[in-house]
Amino acid sequence: MNHRPLESLEDLIEASLDPRSVRERFGLPHPLSNFAANGMVKEGPYADAILEFVNSLTWEAPESARHRAATWFLFESERAFFRACAVAGIDAEKLRSHLKRCRD
């Protein structure tokens, strides 16, 4: 956990735009930590991409390209989703089944 003081209001605003930075600063768990395969999500581009796809599925309009891409990645992909989850330390089956239950 990084408890260094921010030097200015500009630093605070910039840091607040980075979700990973906010989590680290306040010791919050990763939003996908309930689906961690071995107790902890591995922070990095794969975990970030999975989270971005979940956000797109949730917040983007169903007819948008981002929503369609998220739907494909999270529900239809036979390799990409499972590979990304494996690298990020996420239980892909558990996450996918949870997302399907939420969608239905």
PDB file of N, CA and C in Angstrom:
ATOM      1  N   MET A   1       0.845  -1.173   0.000  1.00  0.00           N
ATOM      2  CA  MET A   1       0.000   0.000   0.000  1.00  0.00           C
ATOM      3  C   MET A   1       0.891   1.236   0.000  1.00  0.00           C
ATOM      4  N   ASN A   2       0.538   2.186  -0.832  1.00  0.00           N
ATOM      5  CA  ASN A   2       1.344   3.387  -1.005  1.00  0.00           C
ATOM      6  C   ASN A   2       0.669   4.547  -0.274  1.00  0.00           C
ATOM      7  N   HIS A   3       1.250   5.001   0.841  1.00  0.00           N
ATOM      8  CA  HIS A   3       0.659   6.072   1.645  1.00  0.00           C
ATOM      9  C   HIS A   3       1.382   7.397   1.472  1.00  0.00           C
ATOM     10  N   ARG A   4       2.069   7.577   0.353  1.00  0.00           N
ATOM     11  CA  ARG A   4       2.780   8.835   0.168  1.00  0.00           C
ATOM     12  C   ARG A   4       1.769   9.965  -0.008  1.00  0.00           C
ATOM     13  N   PRO A   5       2.013  11.122   0.571  1.00  0.00           N
ATOM     14  CA  PRO A   5       1.083  12.244   0.404  1.00  0.00           C
ATOM     15  C   PRO A   5       1.155  12.781  -1.017  1.00  0.00           C
ATOM     16  N   LEU A   6       0.033  13.225  -1.514  1.00  0.00           N
ATOM     17  CA  LEU A   6       0.004  13.843  -2.839  1.00  0.00           C
ATOM     18  C   LEU A   6       0.471  15.279  -2.704  1.00  0.00           C
ATOM     19  N   GLU A   7       1.157  15.753  -3.708  1.00  0.00           N
ATOM     20  CA  GLU A   7       1.778  17.052  -3.601  1.00  0.00           C
ATOM     21  C   GLU A   7       0.845  18.204  -3.941  1.00  0.00           C
ATOM     22  N   SER A   8      -0.166  17.961  -4.745  1.00  0.00           N
ATOM     23  CA  SER A   8      -1.031  19.067  -5.135  1.00  0.00           C
ATOM     24  C   SER A   8      -2.413  18.536  -5.484  1.00  0.00           C
ATOM     25  N   LEU A   9      -3.349  19.443  -5.659  1.00  0.00           N
ATOM     26  CA  LEU A   9      -4.695  19.078  -6.076  1.00  0.00           C
ATOM     27  C   LEU A   9      -4.654  18.396  -7.448  1.00  0.00           C
ATOM     28  N   GLU A  10      -3.786  18.873  -8.305  1.00  0.00           N
ATOM     29  CA  GLU A  10      -3.637  18.266  -9.633  1.00  0.00           C
ATOM     30  C   GLU A  10      -3.207  16.805  -9.513  1.00  0.00           C
ATOM     31  N   ASP A  11      -2.265  16.510  -8.590  1.00  0.00           N
ATOM     32  CA  ASP A  11      -1.838  15.125  -8.365  1.00  0.00           C
ATOM     33  C   ASP A  11      -2.995  14.270  -7.868  1.00  0.00           C
ATOM     34  N   LEU A  12      -3.794  14.828  -6.971  1.00  0.00           N
ATOM     35  CA  LEU A  12      -4.943  14.104  -6.429  1.00  0.00           C
ATOM     36  C   LEU A  12      -5.950  13.780  -7.531  1.00  0.00           C
ATOM     37  N   ILE A  13      -6.242  14.748  -8.375  1.00  0.00           N
ATOM     38  CA  ILE A  13      -7.184  14.538  -9.476  1.00  0.00           C
ATOM     39  C   ILE A  13      -6.638  13.491 -10.436  1.00  0.00           C
ATOM     40  N   GLU A  14      -5.378  13.602 -10.783  1.00  0.00           N
ATOM     41  CA  GLU A  14      -4.766  12.640 -11.700  1.00  0.00           C
ATOM     42  C   GLU A  14      -4.785  11.229 -11.101  1.00  0.00           C
ATOM     43  N   ALA A  15      -4.462  11.100  -9.829  1.00  0.00           N
ATOM     44  CA  ALA A  15      -4.464   9.790  -9.177  1.00  0.00           C
ATOM     45  C   ALA A  15      -5.867   9.209  -9.100  1.00  0.00           C
ATOM     46  N   SER A  16      -6.875  10.053  -8.947  1.00  0.00           N
ATOM     47  CA  SER A  16      -8.247   9.556  -8.831  1.00  0.00           C
ATOM     48  C   SER A  16      -8.760   9.003 -10.155  1.00  0.00           C
ATOM     49  N   LEU A  17      -8.125   9.351 -11.253  1.00  0.00           N
ATOM     50  CA  LEU A  17      -8.536   8.846 -12.561  1.00  0.00           C
ATOM     51  C   LEU A  17      -7.990   7.448 -12.846  1.00  0.00           C
ATOM     52  N   ASP A  18      -7.095   6.971 -12.014  1.00  0.00           N
ATOM     53  CA  ASP A  18      -6.502   5.644 -12.178  1.00  0.00           C
ATOM     54  C   ASP A  18      -7.047   4.718 -11.093  1.00  0.00           C
ATOM     55  N   PRO A  19      -8.006   3.832 -11.452  1.00  0.00           N
ATOM     56  CA  PRO A  19      -8.617   2.971 -10.434  1.00  0.00           C
ATOM     57  C   PRO A  19      -7.609   2.116  -9.673  1.00  0.00           C
ATOM     58  N   ARG A  20      -6.573   1.631 -10.357  1.00  0.00           N
ATOM     59  CA  ARG A  20      -5.575   0.805  -9.680  1.00  0.00           C
ATOM     60  C   ARG A  20      -4.854   1.620  -8.618  1.00  0.00           C
ATOM     61  N   SER A  21      -4.527   2.862  -8.936  1.00  0.00           N
ATOM     62  CA  SER A  21      -3.855   3.741  -7.987  1.00  0.00           C
ATOM     63  C   SER A  21      -4.722   3.983  -6.749  1.00  0.00           C
ATOM     64  N   VAL A  22      -6.012   4.212  -6.967  1.00  0.00           N
ATOM     65  CA  VAL A  22      -6.928   4.432  -5.840  1.00  0.00           C
ATOM     66  C   VAL A  22      -7.001   3.184  -4.969  1.00  0.00           C
ATOM     67  N   ARG A  23      -7.126   2.002  -5.603  1.00  0.00           N
ATOM     68  CA  ARG A  23      -7.177   0.747  -4.834  1.00  0.00           C
ATOM     69  C   ARG A  23      -5.921   0.574  -4.000  1.00  0.00           C
ATOM     70  N   GLU A  24      -4.766   0.798  -4.618  1.00  0.00           N
ATOM     71  CA  GLU A  24      -3.505   0.627  -3.903  1.00  0.00           C
ATOM     72  C   GLU A  24      -3.374   1.630  -2.768  1.00  0.00           C
ATOM     73  N   ARG A  25      -3.749   2.863  -3.020  1.00  0.00           N
ATOM     74  CA  ARG A  25      -3.619   3.917  -2.007  1.00  0.00           C
ATOM     75  C   ARG A  25      -4.459   3.623  -0.770  1.00  0.00           C
ATOM     76  N   PHE A  26      -5.663   3.087  -0.976  1.00  0.00           N
ATOM     77  CA  PHE A  26      -6.569   2.858   0.148  1.00  0.00           C
ATOM     78  C   PHE A  26      -6.671   1.394   0.559  1.00  0.00           C
ATOM     79  N   GLY A  27      -5.871   0.534  -0.041  1.00  0.00           N
ATOM     80  CA  GLY A  27      -5.843  -0.871   0.345  1.00  0.00           C
ATOM     81  C   GLY A  27      -7.121  -1.620   0.001  1.00  0.00           C
ATOM     82  N   LEU A  28      -7.786  -1.216  -1.084  1.00  0.00           N
ATOM     83  CA  LEU A  28      -9.025  -1.875  -1.488  1.00  0.00           C
ATOM     84  C   LEU A  28      -8.723  -3.102  -2.337  1.00  0.00           C
ATOM     85  N   PRO A  29      -9.561  -4.130  -2.247  1.00  0.00           N
ATOM     86  CA  PRO A  29      -9.334  -5.317  -3.076  1.00  0.00           C
ATOM     87  C   PRO A  29      -9.686  -5.041  -4.536  1.00  0.00           C
ATOM     88  N   HIS A  30      -9.151  -5.843  -5.419  1.00  0.00           N
ATOM     89  CA  HIS A  30      -9.489  -5.743  -6.835  1.00  0.00           C
ATOM     90  C   HIS A  30     -10.971  -6.073  -6.999  1.00  0.00           C
ATOM     91  N   PRO A  31     -11.701  -5.379  -7.870  1.00  0.00           N
ATOM     92  CA  PRO A  31     -13.132  -5.641  -8.051  1.00  0.00           C
ATOM     93  C   PRO A  31     -13.449  -7.085  -8.450  1.00  0.00           C
ATOM     94  N   LEU A  32     -12.496  -7.787  -9.029  1.00  0.00           N
ATOM     95  CA  LEU A  32     -12.722  -9.180  -9.422  1.00  0.00           C
ATOM     96  C   LEU A  32     -12.133 -10.168  -8.418  1.00  0.00           C
ATOM     97  N   SER A  33     -11.764  -9.703  -7.237  1.00  0.00           N
ATOM     98  CA  SER A  33     -11.103 -10.576  -6.267  1.00  0.00           C
ATOM     99  C   SER A  33     -11.975 -11.739  -5.801  1.00  0.00           C
ATOM    100  N   ASN A  34     -13.299 -11.603  -5.884  1.00  0.00           N
ATOM    101  CA  ASN A  34     -14.172 -12.733  -5.531  1.00  0.00           C
ATOM    102  C   ASN A  34     -14.009 -13.900  -6.488  1.00  0.00           C
ATOM    103  N   PHE A  35     -13.412 -13.655  -7.625  1.00  0.00           N
ATOM    104  CA  PHE A  35     -13.240 -14.687  -8.637  1.00  0.00           C
ATOM    105  C   PHE A  35     -11.784 -15.113  -8.781  1.00  0.00           C
ATOM    106  N   ALA A  36     -10.949 -14.705  -7.846  1.00  0.00           N
ATOM    107  CA  ALA A  36      -9.530 -15.050  -7.891  1.00  0.00           C
ATOM    108  C   ALA A  36      -9.355 -16.555  -7.757  1.00  0.00           C
ATOM    109  N   ALA A  37      -8.527 -17.123  -8.619  1.00  0.00           N
ATOM    110  CA  ALA A  37      -8.302 -18.563  -8.618  1.00  0.00           C
ATOM    111  C   ALA A  37      -7.483 -19.006  -7.401  1.00  0.00           C
ATOM    112  N   ASN A  38      -6.510 -18.210  -7.009  1.00  0.00           N
ATOM    113  CA  ASN A  38      -5.630 -18.579  -5.897  1.00  0.00           C
ATOM    114  C   ASN A  38      -5.591 -17.513  -4.821  1.00  0.00           C
ATOM    115  N   GLY A  39      -6.711 -16.855  -4.599  1.00  0.00           N
ATOM    116  CA  GLY A  39      -6.808 -15.888  -3.524  1.00  0.00           C
ATOM    117  C   GLY A  39      -6.497 -14.454  -3.886  1.00  0.00           C
ATOM    118  N   MET A  40      -5.855 -14.227  -5.053  1.00  0.00           N
ATOM    119  CA  MET A  40      -5.497 -12.859  -5.392  1.00  0.00           C
ATOM    120  C   MET A  40      -5.437 -12.674  -6.907  1.00  0.00           C
ATOM    121  N   VAL A  41      -6.028 -11.595  -7.382  1.00  0.00           N
ATOM    122  CA  VAL A  41      -5.965 -11.247  -8.798  1.00  0.00           C
ATOM    123  C   VAL A  41      -4.592 -10.647  -9.078  1.00  0.00           C
ATOM    124  N   LYS A  42      -3.989 -11.053 -10.185  1.00  0.00           N
ATOM    125  CA  LYS A  42      -2.696 -10.495 -10.590  1.00  0.00           C
ATOM    126  C   LYS A  42      -2.953  -9.202 -11.357  1.00  0.00           C
ATOM    127  N   GLU A  43      -2.627  -8.083 -10.736  1.00  0.00           N
ATOM    128  CA  GLU A  43      -2.804  -6.774 -11.379  1.00  0.00           C
ATOM    129  C   GLU A  43      -1.999  -6.732 -12.671  1.00  0.00           C
ATOM    130  N   GLY A  44      -2.568  -6.134 -13.678  1.00  0.00           N
ATOM    131  CA  GLY A  44      -1.861  -5.993 -14.942  1.00  0.00           C
ATOM    132  C   GLY A  44      -2.836  -5.815 -16.082  1.00  0.00           C
ATOM    133  N   PRO A  45      -2.322  -5.825 -17.305  1.00  0.00           N
ATOM    134  CA  PRO A  45      -3.170  -5.540 -18.464  1.00  0.00           C
ATOM    135  C   PRO A  45      -4.294  -6.564 -18.673  1.00  0.00           C
ATOM    136  N   TYR A  46      -4.082  -7.819 -18.314  1.00  0.00           N
ATOM    137  CA  TYR A  46      -5.135  -8.820 -18.508  1.00  0.00           C
ATOM    138  C   TYR A  46      -6.295  -8.581 -17.548  1.00  0.00           C
ATOM    139  N   ALA A  47      -5.995  -8.356 -16.292  1.00  0.00           N
ATOM    140  CA  ALA A  47      -7.052  -8.063 -15.312  1.00  0.00           C
ATOM    141  C   ALA A  47      -7.749  -6.757 -15.665  1.00  0.00           C
ATOM    142  N   ASP A  48      -6.982  -5.767 -16.116  1.00  0.00           N
ATOM    143  CA  ASP A  48      -7.570  -4.486 -16.520  1.00  0.00           C
ATOM    144  C   ASP A  48      -8.518  -4.668 -17.703  1.00  0.00           C
ATOM    145  N   ALA A  49      -8.110  -5.477 -18.678  1.00  0.00           N
ATOM    146  CA  ALA A  49      -8.951  -5.707 -19.864  1.00  0.00           C
ATOM    147  C   ALA A  49     -10.244  -6.428 -19.492  1.00  0.00           C
ATOM    148  N   ILE A  50     -10.145  -7.436 -18.644  1.00  0.00           N
ATOM    149  CA  ILE A  50     -11.349  -8.164 -18.221  1.00  0.00           C
ATOM    150  C   ILE A  50     -12.309  -7.214 -17.517  1.00  0.00           C
ATOM    151  N   LEU A  51     -11.782  -6.409 -16.628  1.00  0.00           N
ATOM    152  CA  LEU A  51     -12.617  -5.449 -15.907  1.00  0.00           C
ATOM    153  C   LEU A  51     -13.237  -4.430 -16.866  1.00  0.00           C
ATOM    154  N   GLU A  52     -12.477  -3.996 -17.855  1.00  0.00           N
ATOM    155  CA  GLU A  52     -13.006  -3.052 -18.848  1.00  0.00           C
ATOM    156  C   GLU A  52     -14.138  -3.688 -19.657  1.00  0.00           C
ATOM    157  N   PHE A  53     -13.993  -4.963 -20.000  1.00  0.00           N
ATOM    158  CA  PHE A  53     -15.071  -5.651 -20.715  1.00  0.00           C
ATOM    159  C   PHE A  53     -16.319  -5.771 -19.832  1.00  0.00           C
ATOM    160  N   VAL A  54     -16.147  -6.056 -18.562  1.00  0.00           N
ATOM    161  CA  VAL A  54     -17.298  -6.124 -17.649  1.00  0.00           C
ATOM    162  C   VAL A  54     -17.974  -4.754 -17.567  1.00  0.00           C
ATOM    163  N   ASN A  55     -17.184  -3.700 -17.463  1.00  0.00           N
ATOM    164  CA  ASN A  55     -17.748  -2.347 -17.426  1.00  0.00           C
ATOM    165  C   ASN A  55     -18.486  -2.013 -18.719  1.00  0.00           C
ATOM    166  N   SER A  56     -17.932  -2.391 -19.854  1.00  0.00           N
ATOM    167  CA  SER A  56     -18.591  -2.136 -21.136  1.00  0.00           C
ATOM    168  C   SER A  56     -19.902  -2.906 -21.246  1.00  0.00           C
ATOM    169  N   LEU A  57     -19.899  -4.127 -20.776  1.00  0.00           N
ATOM    170  CA  LEU A  57     -21.124  -4.934 -20.797  1.00  0.00           C
ATOM    171  C   LEU A  57     -22.195  -4.276 -19.939  1.00  0.00           C
ATOM    172  N   THR A  58     -21.780  -3.700 -18.832  1.00  0.00           N
ATOM    173  CA  THR A  58     -22.716  -3.101 -17.880  1.00  0.00           C
ATOM    174  C   THR A  58     -23.219  -1.734 -18.318  1.00  0.00           C
ATOM    175  N   TRP A  59     -22.331  -0.884 -18.799  1.00  0.00           N
ATOM    176  CA  TRP A  59     -22.675   0.523 -18.995  1.00  0.00           C
ATOM    177  C   TRP A  59     -22.894   0.967 -20.435  1.00  0.00           C
ATOM    178  N   GLU A  60     -22.372   0.244 -21.403  1.00  0.00           N
ATOM    179  CA  GLU A  60     -22.519   0.662 -22.799  1.00  0.00           C
ATOM    180  C   GLU A  60     -23.889   0.258 -23.344  1.00  0.00           C
ATOM    181  N   ALA A  61     -24.357   0.992 -24.317  1.00  0.00           N
ATOM    182  CA  ALA A  61     -25.632   0.683 -24.969  1.00  0.00           C
ATOM    183  C   ALA A  61     -25.512  -0.662 -25.691  1.00  0.00           C
ATOM    184  N   PRO A  62     -26.554  -1.499 -25.631  1.00  0.00           N
ATOM    185  CA  PRO A  62     -26.490  -2.834 -26.244  1.00  0.00           C
ATOM    186  C   PRO A  62     -26.129  -2.840 -27.728  1.00  0.00           C
ATOM    187  N   GLU A  63     -26.450  -1.787 -28.443  1.00  0.00           N
ATOM    188  CA  GLU A  63     -26.143  -1.750 -29.880  1.00  0.00           C
ATOM    189  C   GLU A  63     -24.736  -1.213 -30.166  1.00  0.00           C
ATOM    190  N   SER A  64     -24.006  -0.810 -29.149  1.00  0.00           N
ATOM    191  CA  SER A  64     -22.671  -0.239 -29.352  1.00  0.00           C
ATOM    192  C   SER A  64     -21.640  -1.330 -29.654  1.00  0.00           C
ATOM    193  N   ALA A  65     -20.590  -0.938 -30.340  1.00  0.00           N
ATOM    194  CA  ALA A  65     -19.506  -1.861 -30.667  1.00  0.00           C
ATOM    195  C   ALA A  65     -18.815  -2.361 -29.397  1.00  0.00           C
ATOM    196  N   ARG A  66     -18.669  -1.508 -28.418  1.00  0.00           N
ATOM    197  CA  ARG A  66     -18.013  -1.913 -27.159  1.00  0.00           C
ATOM    198  C   ARG A  66     -18.828  -2.970 -26.428  1.00  0.00           C
ATOM    199  N   HIS A  67     -20.140  -2.810 -26.408  1.00  0.00           N
ATOM    200  CA  HIS A  67     -21.009  -3.788 -25.752  1.00  0.00           C
ATOM    201  C   HIS A  67     -20.955  -5.121 -26.493  1.00  0.00           C
ATOM    202  N   ARG A  68     -21.001  -5.064 -27.828  1.00  0.00           N
ATOM    203  CA  ARG A  68     -20.934  -6.303 -28.613  1.00  0.00           C
ATOM    204  C   ARG A  68     -19.597  -7.009 -28.406  1.00  0.00           C
ATOM    205  N   ALA A  69     -18.504  -6.249 -28.361  1.00  0.00           N
ATOM    206  CA  ALA A  69     -17.184  -6.838 -28.133  1.00  0.00           C
ATOM    207  C   ALA A  69     -17.115  -7.475 -26.741  1.00  0.00           C
ATOM    208  N   ALA A  70     -17.661  -6.798 -25.744  1.00  0.00           N
ATOM    209  CA  ALA A  70     -17.673  -7.330 -24.384  1.00  0.00           C
ATOM    210  C   ALA A  70     -18.499  -8.616 -24.313  1.00  0.00           C
ATOM    211  N   THR A  71     -19.642  -8.616 -24.991  1.00  0.00           N
ATOM    212  CA  THR A  71     -20.495  -9.810 -25.007  1.00  0.00           C
ATOM    213  C   THR A  71     -19.748 -10.986 -25.625  1.00  0.00           C
ATOM    214  N   TRP A  72     -19.095 -10.736 -26.750  1.00  0.00           N
ATOM    215  CA  TRP A  72     -18.334 -11.814 -27.386  1.00  0.00           C
ATOM    216  C   TRP A  72     -17.227 -12.317 -26.450  1.00  0.00           C
ATOM    217  N   PHE A  73     -16.436 -11.392 -25.926  1.00  0.00           N
ATOM    218  CA  PHE A  73     -15.298 -11.780 -25.095  1.00  0.00           C
ATOM    219  C   PHE A  73     -15.745 -12.535 -23.849  1.00  0.00           C
ATOM    220  N   LEU A  74     -16.727 -12.013 -23.146  1.00  0.00           N
ATOM    221  CA  LEU A  74     -17.122 -12.589 -21.859  1.00  0.00           C
ATOM    222  C   LEU A  74     -17.965 -13.858 -21.979  1.00  0.00           C
ATOM    223  N   PHE A  75     -18.747 -14.001 -23.058  1.00  0.00           N
ATOM    224  CA  PHE A  75     -19.676 -15.132 -23.143  1.00  0.00           C
ATOM    225  C   PHE A  75     -19.406 -16.112 -24.277  1.00  0.00           C
ATOM    226  N   GLU A  76     -18.776 -15.653 -25.345  1.00  0.00           N
ATOM    227  CA  GLU A  76     -18.654 -16.509 -26.523  1.00  0.00           C
ATOM    228  C   GLU A  76     -17.231 -16.967 -26.820  1.00  0.00           C
ATOM    229  N   SER A  77     -16.253 -16.217 -26.397  1.00  0.00           N
ATOM    230  CA  SER A  77     -14.861 -16.546 -26.674  1.00  0.00           C
ATOM    231  C   SER A  77     -14.515 -17.911 -26.089  1.00  0.00           C
ATOM    232  N   GLU A  78     -13.858 -18.715 -26.906  1.00  0.00           N
ATOM    233  CA  GLU A  78     -13.454 -20.039 -26.438  1.00  0.00           C
ATOM    234  C   GLU A  78     -12.003 -20.074 -25.962  1.00  0.00           C
ATOM    235  N   ARG A  79     -11.213 -19.076 -26.352  1.00  0.00           N
ATOM    236  CA  ARG A  79      -9.805 -19.050 -25.939  1.00  0.00           C
ATOM    237  C   ARG A  79      -9.408 -17.764 -25.226  1.00  0.00           C
ATOM    238  N   ALA A  80      -9.726 -16.626 -25.829  1.00  0.00           N
ATOM    239  CA  ALA A  80      -9.221 -15.340 -25.324  1.00  0.00           C
ATOM    240  C   ALA A  80      -9.621 -15.103 -23.868  1.00  0.00           C
ATOM    241  N   PHE A  81     -10.884 -15.325 -23.531  1.00  0.00           N
ATOM    242  CA  PHE A  81     -11.367 -15.102 -22.172  1.00  0.00           C
ATOM    243  C   PHE A  81     -10.633 -16.000 -21.180  1.00  0.00           C
ATOM    244  N   PHE A  82     -10.515 -17.274 -21.522  1.00  0.00           N
ATOM    245  CA  PHE A  82      -9.879 -18.223 -20.605  1.00  0.00           C
ATOM    246  C   PHE A  82      -8.390 -17.940 -20.452  1.00  0.00           C
ATOM    247  N   ARG A  83      -7.740 -17.532 -21.523  1.00  0.00           N
ATOM    248  CA  ARG A  83      -6.316 -17.187 -21.451  1.00  0.00           C
ATOM    249  C   ARG A  83      -6.106 -15.946 -20.595  1.00  0.00           C
ATOM    250  N   ALA A  84      -6.905 -14.913 -20.834  1.00  0.00           N
ATOM    251  CA  ALA A  84      -6.778 -13.683 -20.050  1.00  0.00           C
ATOM    252  C   ALA A  84      -7.024 -13.956 -18.569  1.00  0.00           C
ATOM    253  N   CYS A  85      -8.041 -14.753 -18.278  1.00  0.00           N
ATOM    254  CA  CYS A  85      -8.334 -15.077 -16.880  1.00  0.00           C
ATOM    255  C   CYS A  85      -7.196 -15.861 -16.243  1.00  0.00           C
ATOM    256  N   ALA A  86      -6.628 -16.815 -16.981  1.00  0.00           N
ATOM    257  CA  ALA A  86      -5.521 -17.609 -16.441  1.00  0.00           C
ATOM    258  C   ALA A  86      -4.337 -16.717 -16.085  1.00  0.00           C
ATOM    259  N   VAL A  87      -3.985 -15.811 -16.970  1.00  0.00           N
ATOM    260  CA  VAL A  87      -2.852 -14.911 -16.717  1.00  0.00           C
ATOM    261  C   VAL A  87      -3.157 -13.970 -15.551  1.00  0.00           C
ATOM    262  N   ALA A  88      -4.418 -13.540 -15.425  1.00  0.00           N
ATOM    263  CA  ALA A  88      -4.808 -12.600 -14.368  1.00  0.00           C
ATOM    264  C   ALA A  88      -5.091 -13.291 -13.034  1.00  0.00           C
ATOM    265  N   GLY A  89      -5.041 -14.615 -13.007  1.00  0.00           N
ATOM    266  CA  GLY A  89      -5.310 -15.328 -11.757  1.00  0.00           C
ATOM    267  C   GLY A  89      -6.786 -15.368 -11.397  1.00  0.00           C
ATOM    268  N   ILE A  90      -7.641 -15.383 -12.414  1.00  0.00           N
ATOM    269  CA  ILE A  90      -9.090 -15.375 -12.214  1.00  0.00           C
ATOM    270  C   ILE A  90      -9.667 -16.717 -12.638  1.00  0.00           C
ATOM    271  N   ASP A  91     -10.598 -17.230 -11.853  1.00  0.00           N
ATOM    272  CA  ASP A  91     -11.300 -18.467 -12.189  1.00  0.00           C
ATOM    273  C   ASP A  91     -12.321 -18.139 -13.282  1.00  0.00           C
ATOM    274  N   ALA A  92     -11.999 -18.493 -14.519  1.00  0.00           N
ATOM    275  CA  ALA A  92     -12.808 -18.113 -15.678  1.00  0.00           C
ATOM    276  C   ALA A  92     -14.211 -18.703 -15.612  1.00  0.00           C
ATOM    277  N   GLU A  93     -14.332 -19.948 -15.244  1.00  0.00           N
ATOM    278  CA  GLU A  93     -15.652 -20.593 -15.177  1.00  0.00           C
ATOM    279  C   GLU A  93     -16.540 -19.911 -14.133  1.00  0.00           C
ATOM    280  N   LYS A  94     -15.966 -19.613 -12.997  1.00  0.00           N
ATOM    281  CA  LYS A  94     -16.727 -18.958 -11.927  1.00  0.00           C
ATOM    282  C   LYS A  94     -17.197 -17.570 -12.360  1.00  0.00           C
ATOM    283  N   LEU A  95     -16.301 -16.800 -12.990  1.00  0.00           N
ATOM    284  CA  LEU A  95     -16.668 -15.464 -13.450  1.00  0.00           C
ATOM    285  C   LEU A  95     -17.723 -15.539 -14.548  1.00  0.00           C
ATOM    286  N   ARG A  96     -17.518 -16.407 -15.532  1.00  0.00           N
ATOM    287  CA  ARG A  96     -18.469 -16.504 -16.641  1.00  0.00           C
ATOM    288  C   ARG A  96     -19.844 -16.945 -16.145  1.00  0.00           C
ATOM    289  N   SER A  97     -19.892 -17.923 -15.256  1.00  0.00           N
ATOM    290  CA  SER A  97     -21.207 -18.371 -14.762  1.00  0.00           C
ATOM    291  C   SER A  97     -21.893 -17.268 -13.960  1.00  0.00           C
ATOM    292  N   HIS A  98     -21.135 -16.487 -13.206  1.00  0.00           N
ATOM    293  CA  HIS A  98     -21.706 -15.369 -12.471  1.00  0.00           C
ATOM    294  C   HIS A  98     -22.271 -14.326 -13.430  1.00  0.00           C
ATOM    295  N   LEU A  99     -21.517 -13.994 -14.465  1.00  0.00           N
ATOM    296  CA  LEU A  99     -21.985 -13.018 -15.451  1.00  0.00           C
ATOM    297  C   LEU A  99     -23.236 -13.506 -16.169  1.00  0.00           C
ATOM    298  N   LYS A 100     -23.277 -14.794 -16.476  1.00  0.00           N
ATOM    299  CA  LYS A 100     -24.489 -15.347 -17.124  1.00  0.00           C
ATOM    300  C   LYS A 100     -25.691 -15.257 -16.210  1.00  0.00           C
ATOM    301  N   ARG A 101     -25.511 -15.546 -14.929  1.00  0.00           N
ATOM    302  CA  ARG A 101     -26.627 -15.435 -13.973  1.00  0.00           C
ATOM    303  C   ARG A 101     -27.114 -13.989 -13.874  1.00  0.00           C
ATOM    304  N   CYS A 102     -26.186 -13.034 -13.883  1.00  0.00           N
ATOM    305  CA  CYS A 102     -26.555 -11.617 -13.813  1.00  0.00           C
ATOM    306  C   CYS A 102     -27.274 -11.162 -15.078  1.00  0.00           C
ATOM    307  N   ARG A 103     -26.894 -11.720 -16.196  1.00  0.00           N
ATOM    308  CA  ARG A 103     -27.471 -11.327 -17.480  1.00  0.00           C
ATOM    309  C   ARG A 103     -28.888 -11.875 -17.634  1.00  0.00           C
ATOM    310  N   ASP A 104     -29.142 -13.057 -17.106  1.00  0.00           N
ATOM    311  CA  ASP A 104     -30.468 -13.700 -17.259  1.00  0.00           C
ATOM    312  C   ASP A 104     -31.513 -13.163 -16.348  1.00  0.00           C
TER     313      ASP A 104
END
